[in-house]
């Protein structure tokens, strides 16, 4: 499959409902990819293959007999800072509340700092997942994957403007995850139309949380905001009240619904797919964190 799909040809094959915003709702800008998103003038960056390489930093070993959490956090659309702020925020939460310090890999960067971190690509995800799979105990540990960006159905914006770097598709994401051999995974995708990723990712051993349904936009992607609407609800409501990721997702969805109703926005309808096989493992993780 050619993962360097042109966004212009992609737009021609996907019918998108137009969204009209007034000036008063500027900060509620949707997280939808635009058709000319990668037509900015080229910038001087390192080669594309370097931008996909994950540095060989050591990960903290897992603790036998307990459920440990590992994480891959990716901020897409390098032309904006908001997605980097979200990955930094979640890293802080996971390290301080979920005992994940030394067990986290961050991907994604800004155009002003092109070599700071690898971009989100099939290659960088594969390398990250495989590194964690070799460190964790697949029979008892959990990997959380968080991706935040603009999106279209089955695609999120991850490419660097002016460079030969493709956007990430749902099939590519699923293939990287499936091939890594990680058994238990919590997958969070925050982008417009992110619910379209569920069909490719669904598994009994996965909890999948998305910021919107497969045919809906999510909101708040303006760089003047600290976080997106969904991201703010997830960090400051869901995860602030719960260590249980499923309960956090339910609280987040309730808060987002409230915000969108107050702003008279079309409901984004955040989605949750909770596999039955991962539930006992997440329960043990939650119980361990509560007694720390």
Protein backbone atom coordinates (compact mmCIF):
# COMPACT_ATOMS: atom_id res chain seq x y z
CA UNK A 1 0.00 0.00 0.00
CA UNK A 2 1.30 3.48 -0.86
CA UNK A 3 1.30 5.44 2.40
CA UNK A 4 2.39 8.69 0.66
CA UNK A 5 -1.20 9.28 -0.42
CA UNK A 6 -1.75 12.74 -1.88
CA UNK A 7 -4.11 14.78 0.24
CA UNK A 8 -5.51 16.39 -2.91
CA UNK A 9 -6.38 13.05 -4.48
CA UNK A 10 -7.64 11.87 -1.10
CA UNK A 11 -9.95 14.87 -0.90
CA UNK A 12 -11.35 14.00 -4.31
CA UNK A 13 -12.36 10.55 -3.07
CA UNK A 14 -13.89 11.61 0.24
CA UNK A 15 -17.04 13.68 0.44
CA UNK A 16 -16.81 16.03 3.41
CA UNK A 17 -19.64 17.95 4.95
CA UNK A 18 -18.68 21.68 4.94
CA UNK A 19 -18.48 23.38 8.32
CA UNK A 20 -19.21 27.09 8.65
CA UNK A 21 -17.82 29.05 11.58
CA UNK A 22 -18.46 32.61 12.68
CA UNK A 23 -15.71 34.88 13.99
CA UNK A 24 -17.03 34.34 17.50
CA UNK A 25 -16.24 30.63 17.19
CA UNK A 26 -12.71 31.08 15.86
CA UNK A 27 -11.14 29.37 18.86
CA UNK A 28 -13.40 26.38 18.27
CA UNK A 29 -11.75 25.66 14.92
CA UNK A 30 -12.26 22.04 13.91
CA UNK A 31 -9.37 19.58 13.72
CA UNK A 32 -10.08 18.76 10.06
CA UNK A 33 -7.22 18.49 7.58
CA UNK A 34 -7.41 20.98 4.71
CA UNK A 35 -6.77 20.04 1.11
CA UNK A 36 -3.78 22.39 0.83
CA UNK A 37 -2.30 21.46 4.19
CA UNK A 38 1.03 20.36 2.80
CA UNK A 39 1.55 23.06 0.18
CA UNK A 40 3.59 25.43 2.34
CA UNK A 41 7.01 26.50 0.95
CA UNK A 42 9.81 24.00 1.65
CA UNK A 43 11.88 24.56 4.78
CA UNK A 44 15.39 23.44 5.62
CA UNK A 45 15.13 20.25 7.64
CA UNK A 46 17.02 17.02 8.04
CA UNK A 47 16.31 14.23 5.52
CA UNK A 48 12.95 12.50 5.81
CA UNK A 49 14.52 9.22 6.84
CA UNK A 50 16.21 10.93 9.80
CA UNK A 51 12.91 12.47 10.86
CA UNK A 52 11.46 8.97 11.17
CA UNK A 53 14.30 7.47 13.22
CA UNK A 54 13.71 6.78 16.89
CA UNK A 55 16.84 7.41 18.99
CA UNK A 56 18.13 4.42 20.96
CA UNK A 57 17.23 5.68 24.41
CA UNK A 58 16.89 3.08 27.13
CA UNK A 59 13.50 2.25 28.57
CA UNK A 60 12.94 1.37 32.22
CA UNK A 61 12.59 -2.36 32.76
CA UNK A 62 9.24 -3.79 33.74
CA UNK A 63 8.60 -5.04 37.26
CA UNK A 64 7.78 -8.76 37.43
CA UNK A 65 4.43 -9.54 38.97
CA UNK A 66 2.83 -6.13 38.43
CA UNK A 67 1.12 -4.31 35.56
CA UNK A 68 3.41 -1.58 34.21
CA UNK A 69 2.35 1.12 31.76
CA UNK A 70 4.47 2.03 28.73
CA UNK A 71 3.49 4.80 26.31
CA UNK A 72 4.07 6.20 22.83
CA UNK A 73 2.84 9.80 22.54
CA UNK A 74 2.67 11.47 19.15
CA UNK A 75 1.83 15.06 18.20
CA UNK A 76 1.13 15.55 14.50
CA UNK A 77 0.71 18.53 12.13
CA UNK A 78 4.13 20.17 12.71
CA UNK A 79 2.87 23.62 11.72
CA UNK A 80 1.08 24.02 15.08
CA UNK A 81 2.24 23.89 18.69
CA UNK A 82 -1.03 22.77 20.26
CA UNK A 83 -0.44 19.09 19.47
CA UNK A 84 3.04 19.20 21.02
CA UNK A 85 1.56 20.79 24.14
CA UNK A 86 -0.90 17.91 24.40
CA UNK A 87 1.74 15.21 24.21
CA UNK A 88 3.87 17.05 26.77
CA UNK A 89 0.89 17.34 29.12
CA UNK A 90 -0.01 13.68 28.85
CA UNK A 91 3.61 12.66 29.38
CA UNK A 92 3.62 14.66 32.62
CA UNK A 93 0.38 13.02 33.75
CA UNK A 94 1.58 9.50 32.96
CA UNK A 95 4.94 9.97 34.64
CA UNK A 96 3.48 11.44 37.83
CA UNK A 97 0.22 9.51 38.14
CA UNK A 98 0.80 6.23 36.28
CA UNK A 99 4.39 5.38 37.27
CA UNK A 100 5.47 5.69 33.61
CA UNK A 101 8.66 7.72 34.05
CA UNK A 102 11.34 6.17 31.88
CA UNK A 103 8.73 4.16 30.02
CA UNK A 104 7.56 6.81 27.56
CA UNK A 105 8.54 7.59 23.95
CA UNK A 106 7.49 10.89 22.36
CA UNK A 107 7.13 11.44 18.62
CA UNK A 108 6.32 14.55 16.62
CA UNK A 109 7.89 17.99 16.39
CA UNK A 110 7.32 21.55 15.19
CA UNK A 111 8.60 23.05 11.93
CA UNK A 112 10.80 25.41 13.94
CA UNK A 113 12.52 22.43 15.63
CA UNK A 114 12.55 19.80 12.87
CA UNK A 115 15.25 17.58 14.37
CA UNK A 116 14.08 17.62 17.97
CA UNK A 117 11.99 14.43 17.71
CA UNK A 118 11.06 11.93 15.00
CA UNK A 119 7.88 12.53 13.05
CA UNK A 120 4.95 10.16 13.44
CA UNK A 121 5.45 7.67 10.61
CA UNK A 122 4.88 3.98 10.03
CA UNK A 123 8.62 3.50 10.57
CA UNK A 124 8.89 5.48 13.80
CA UNK A 125 5.77 3.85 15.24
CA UNK A 126 7.09 0.40 14.31
CA UNK A 127 10.45 1.12 15.97
CA UNK A 128 8.76 2.53 19.07
CA UNK A 129 6.29 -0.33 19.43
CA UNK A 130 8.98 -2.96 18.89
CA UNK A 131 11.29 -1.35 21.46
CA UNK A 132 8.53 -1.35 24.05
CA UNK A 133 7.48 -4.91 23.16
CA UNK A 134 11.03 -6.11 23.85
CA UNK A 135 11.14 -4.32 27.22
CA UNK A 136 7.68 -5.00 28.62
CA UNK A 137 6.14 -8.30 29.66
CA UNK A 138 3.40 -8.73 27.03
CA UNK A 139 1.48 -11.07 29.30
CA UNK A 140 0.93 -8.50 32.06
CA UNK A 141 1.91 -4.96 30.94
CA UNK A 142 0.01 -2.31 28.94
CA UNK A 143 1.10 0.08 26.19
CA UNK A 144 -0.76 3.37 25.74
CA UNK A 145 -0.61 5.05 22.32
CA UNK A 146 -1.77 8.67 22.07
CA UNK A 147 -1.93 10.47 18.72
CA UNK A 148 -3.24 14.03 18.38
CA UNK A 149 -3.51 16.06 15.17
CA UNK A 150 -5.83 17.24 12.42
CA UNK A 151 -7.62 14.46 10.57
CA UNK A 152 -9.72 13.17 7.71
CA UNK A 153 -11.44 9.79 7.58
CA UNK A 154 -8.77 7.08 8.05
CA UNK A 155 -5.90 9.62 8.01
CA UNK A 156 -4.25 12.01 10.46
CA UNK A 157 -1.88 14.85 9.55
CA UNK A 158 1.72 13.91 10.39
CA UNK A 159 3.83 15.04 7.40
CA UNK A 160 6.40 17.83 7.39
CA UNK A 161 5.62 20.65 4.91
CA UNK A 162 7.88 20.67 1.87
CA UNK A 163 9.33 17.25 2.63
CA UNK A 164 8.69 13.78 1.24
CA UNK A 165 6.90 12.58 4.34
CA UNK A 166 3.45 11.02 4.18
CA UNK A 167 0.48 11.31 6.52
CA UNK A 168 -0.44 8.38 8.76
CA UNK A 169 -3.31 6.14 7.66
CA UNK A 170 -5.40 3.88 9.87
CA UNK A 171 -4.20 0.69 8.08
CA UNK A 172 -0.55 1.72 8.54
CA UNK A 173 -1.10 2.45 12.24
CA UNK A 174 -2.86 -0.88 12.71
CA UNK A 175 -0.13 -2.79 10.85
CA UNK A 176 2.63 -1.26 13.00
CA UNK A 177 0.73 -2.18 16.15
CA UNK A 178 -0.22 -5.69 15.04
CA UNK A 179 3.32 -6.54 13.94
CA UNK A 180 4.91 -5.42 17.21
CA UNK A 181 3.42 -8.21 19.28
CA UNK A 182 2.06 -5.99 22.05
CA UNK A 183 -0.87 -7.80 23.64
CA UNK A 184 -2.60 -5.14 25.75
CA UNK A 185 -3.01 -1.60 24.38
CA UNK A 186 -4.93 1.56 25.19
CA UNK A 187 -5.19 3.62 21.99
CA UNK A 188 -6.24 7.27 22.02
CA UNK A 189 -6.69 9.20 18.76
CA UNK A 190 -7.65 12.86 19.04
CA UNK A 191 -8.54 14.31 15.62
CA UNK A 192 -11.49 15.01 13.38
CA UNK A 193 -13.06 11.78 12.06
CA UNK A 194 -10.83 9.77 14.42
CA UNK A 195 -13.61 7.24 14.97
CA UNK A 196 -12.76 5.96 11.49
CA UNK A 197 -9.63 4.37 13.00
CA UNK A 198 -11.63 1.99 15.20
CA UNK A 199 -12.46 -0.66 12.59
CA UNK A 200 -8.78 -1.18 11.75
CA UNK A 201 -7.64 -1.16 15.38
CA UNK A 202 -10.42 -3.00 17.22
CA UNK A 203 -9.36 -6.04 19.26
CA UNK A 204 -10.49 -7.82 22.46
CA UNK A 205 -7.18 -6.75 24.05
CA UNK A 206 -7.56 -3.04 23.27
CA UNK A 207 -9.36 -0.04 24.71
CA UNK A 208 -9.78 2.49 21.90
CA UNK A 209 -10.77 6.08 22.64
CA UNK A 210 -11.35 8.68 19.92
CA UNK A 211 -12.20 12.38 20.07
CA UNK A 212 -14.89 12.12 17.38
CA UNK A 213 -17.07 9.72 15.45
CA UNK A 214 -16.00 8.51 12.02
CA UNK A 215 -18.07 11.22 10.30
CA UNK A 216 -17.69 14.09 12.78
CA UNK A 217 -15.25 16.92 13.45
CA UNK A 218 -13.70 17.63 16.82
CA UNK A 219 -12.96 21.19 17.93
CA UNK A 220 -10.55 23.61 19.58
CA UNK A 221 -7.44 23.11 17.42
CA UNK A 222 -6.62 26.83 17.27
CA UNK A 223 -3.04 27.42 18.48
CA UNK A 224 -4.35 30.17 20.77
CA UNK A 225 -5.90 27.41 22.88
CA UNK A 226 -3.69 25.51 25.29
CA UNK A 227 -5.36 22.24 24.32
CA UNK A 228 -8.13 21.07 21.99
CA UNK A 229 -11.64 20.79 23.44
CA UNK A 230 -11.27 17.04 23.75
CA UNK A 231 -7.70 17.22 25.04
CA UNK A 232 -8.64 19.69 27.76
CA UNK A 233 -11.55 17.50 28.84
CA UNK A 234 -9.32 14.39 28.86
CA UNK A 235 -6.45 15.93 30.84
CA UNK A 236 -8.32 18.23 33.22
CA UNK A 237 -11.51 16.26 33.79
CA UNK A 238 -11.16 12.60 32.79
CA UNK A 239 -7.62 11.84 33.97
CA UNK A 240 -7.77 14.28 36.88
CA UNK A 241 -10.68 12.30 38.37
CA UNK A 242 -9.78 8.73 37.39
CA UNK A 243 -6.82 6.41 36.99
CA UNK A 244 -9.16 4.03 35.16
CA UNK A 245 -8.81 4.92 31.46
CA UNK A 246 -12.33 3.76 30.57
CA UNK A 247 -13.91 5.89 33.29
CA UNK A 248 -11.70 8.80 32.22
CA UNK A 249 -12.97 8.42 28.64
CA UNK A 250 -16.60 8.43 29.81
CA UNK A 251 -16.04 11.58 31.87
CA UNK A 252 -14.23 13.20 28.93
CA UNK A 253 -17.10 12.45 26.56
CA UNK A 254 -19.60 13.94 29.00
CA UNK A 255 -17.53 17.13 29.35
CA UNK A 256 -17.04 17.51 25.59
CA UNK A 257 -20.76 17.06 24.98
CA UNK A 258 -21.44 19.83 27.51
CA UNK A 259 -18.90 22.22 25.93
CA UNK A 260 -20.17 21.66 22.39
CA UNK A 261 -23.77 22.17 23.43
CA UNK A 262 -22.91 25.45 25.12
CA UNK A 263 -21.00 26.62 22.01
CA UNK A 264 -23.79 25.46 19.64
CA UNK A 265 -21.40 23.17 17.77
CA UNK A 266 -22.29 20.02 15.85
CA UNK A 267 -21.68 17.16 18.35
CA UNK A 268 -18.37 15.41 17.75
CA UNK A 269 -19.63 12.21 19.40
CA UNK A 270 -16.39 10.83 20.95
CA UNK A 271 -16.17 7.05 20.63
CA UNK A 272 -15.07 4.23 22.97
CA UNK A 273 -14.38 0.61 22.01
CA UNK A 274 -13.63 -1.49 25.10
CA UNK A 275 -12.39 -5.03 24.43
CA UNK A 276 -13.39 -7.64 26.99
CA UNK A 277 -9.97 -9.31 27.24
CA UNK A 278 -8.08 -6.19 28.36
CA UNK A 279 -10.47 -5.32 31.17
CA UNK A 280 -8.91 -7.55 33.89
CA UNK A 281 -5.42 -6.18 33.10
CA UNK A 282 -6.57 -2.55 33.29
CA UNK A 283 -8.38 -3.34 36.52
CA UNK A 284 -5.13 -4.65 38.04
CA UNK A 285 -3.27 -1.55 36.82
CA UNK A 286 -5.91 0.71 38.35
CA UNK A 287 -5.79 -1.17 41.68
CA UNK A 288 -1.99 -0.88 41.83
CA UNK A 289 -2.03 2.85 41.14
CA UNK A 290 -4.64 3.48 43.82
CA UNK A 291 -2.45 2.03 46.58
CA UNK A 292 0.74 3.89 45.62
